[in-house]
């Protein structure tokens, strides 16, 4: 497994991470790993375009469209 070092982390952020980790009964490292894992997974692109569009707009609610009646298909041309 890889490791990283985070420099210049604000003291307030570190304190918040410490409190958050304590509330969940974890170490700061485990809490940071979980936060990073979730952030990266949330950004993973969807391979299903239709599903991605649905997820993006599902919170907006749906709409019912009045679809016109379909006319019969035209006859297939013959090339006699």
Protein backbone atom coordinates (compact mmCIF):
# COMPACT_ATOMS: atom_id res chain seq x y z
CA UNK A 1 0.00 0.00 0.00
CA UNK A 2 1.07 3.54 -0.68
CA UNK A 3 1.37 6.33 1.82
CA UNK A 4 1.17 10.11 1.55
CA UNK A 5 2.21 13.06 3.66
CA UNK A 6 -0.03 16.11 3.82
CA UNK A 7 1.88 19.29 4.51
CA UNK A 8 0.52 22.71 5.51
CA UNK A 9 -2.72 21.30 6.90
CA UNK A 10 -4.59 23.94 8.85
CA UNK A 11 -4.73 23.33 12.58
CA UNK A 12 -8.53 23.70 12.50
CA UNK A 13 -8.81 20.98 9.86
CA UNK A 14 -6.59 18.66 11.85
CA UNK A 15 -8.64 19.28 14.99
CA UNK A 16 -11.88 18.64 13.13
CA UNK A 17 -10.44 15.41 11.74
CA UNK A 18 -9.38 14.36 15.22
CA UNK A 19 -12.87 15.01 16.63
CA UNK A 20 -14.58 13.29 13.71
CA UNK A 21 -12.33 10.24 14.08
CA UNK A 22 -12.99 10.08 17.83
CA UNK A 23 -16.75 10.24 17.27
CA UNK A 24 -16.50 7.23 14.98
CA UNK A 25 -14.05 5.35 17.18
CA UNK A 26 -11.27 5.44 14.60
CA UNK A 27 -7.75 6.70 14.34
CA UNK A 28 -7.13 9.92 12.44
CA UNK A 29 -5.38 7.92 9.74
CA UNK A 30 -8.32 5.59 9.26
CA UNK A 31 -10.73 8.51 9.17
CA UNK A 32 -8.60 10.30 6.56
CA UNK A 33 -8.41 7.10 4.47
CA UNK A 34 -12.19 6.75 4.62
CA UNK A 35 -12.74 10.38 3.61
CA UNK A 36 -10.33 10.06 0.68
CA UNK A 37 -11.81 6.72 -0.42
CA UNK A 38 -15.35 8.12 -0.44
CA UNK A 39 -14.29 11.28 -2.29
CA UNK A 40 -12.57 9.28 -5.03
CA UNK A 41 -15.41 6.76 -5.36
CA UNK A 42 -17.96 9.57 -5.64
CA UNK A 43 -16.11 10.97 -8.63
CA UNK A 44 -15.78 7.68 -10.50
CA UNK A 45 -17.37 8.16 -13.93
CA UNK A 46 -20.35 6.04 -14.78
CA UNK A 47 -20.05 3.74 -17.78
CA UNK A 48 -23.83 3.84 -18.26
CA UNK A 49 -24.78 7.22 -19.75
CA UNK A 50 -28.50 6.72 -19.24
CA UNK A 51 -28.02 5.84 -15.59
CA UNK A 52 -25.68 8.80 -15.07
CA UNK A 53 -28.28 11.18 -16.55
CA UNK A 54 -31.03 9.64 -14.42
CA UNK A 55 -28.99 10.02 -11.22
CA UNK A 56 -28.14 13.62 -12.00
CA UNK A 57 -31.75 14.68 -12.56
CA UNK A 58 -33.66 12.25 -10.30
CA UNK A 59 -33.82 14.78 -7.46
CA UNK A 60 -35.64 17.22 -9.77
CA UNK A 61 -38.60 14.88 -10.05
CA UNK A 62 -40.11 13.47 -13.17
CA UNK A 63 -42.58 14.65 -15.73
CA UNK A 64 -45.26 12.95 -17.75
CA UNK A 65 -45.24 13.82 -21.40
CA UNK A 66 -48.30 13.73 -23.62
CA UNK A 67 -47.10 11.64 -26.51
CA UNK A 68 -48.96 11.97 -29.80
CA UNK A 69 -50.52 8.89 -31.36
CA UNK A 70 -48.20 7.19 -33.77
CA UNK A 71 -49.22 6.85 -37.36
CA UNK A 72 -48.73 3.54 -39.10
CA UNK A 73 -45.36 3.03 -40.68
CA UNK A 74 -45.17 3.71 -44.38
CA UNK A 75 -45.02 0.82 -46.76
CA UNK A 76 -41.64 -0.57 -47.65
CA UNK A 77 -40.65 0.55 -51.13
CA UNK A 78 -40.22 -2.04 -53.81
CA UNK A 79 -37.60 -1.74 -56.48
CA UNK A 80 -39.18 -3.75 -59.28
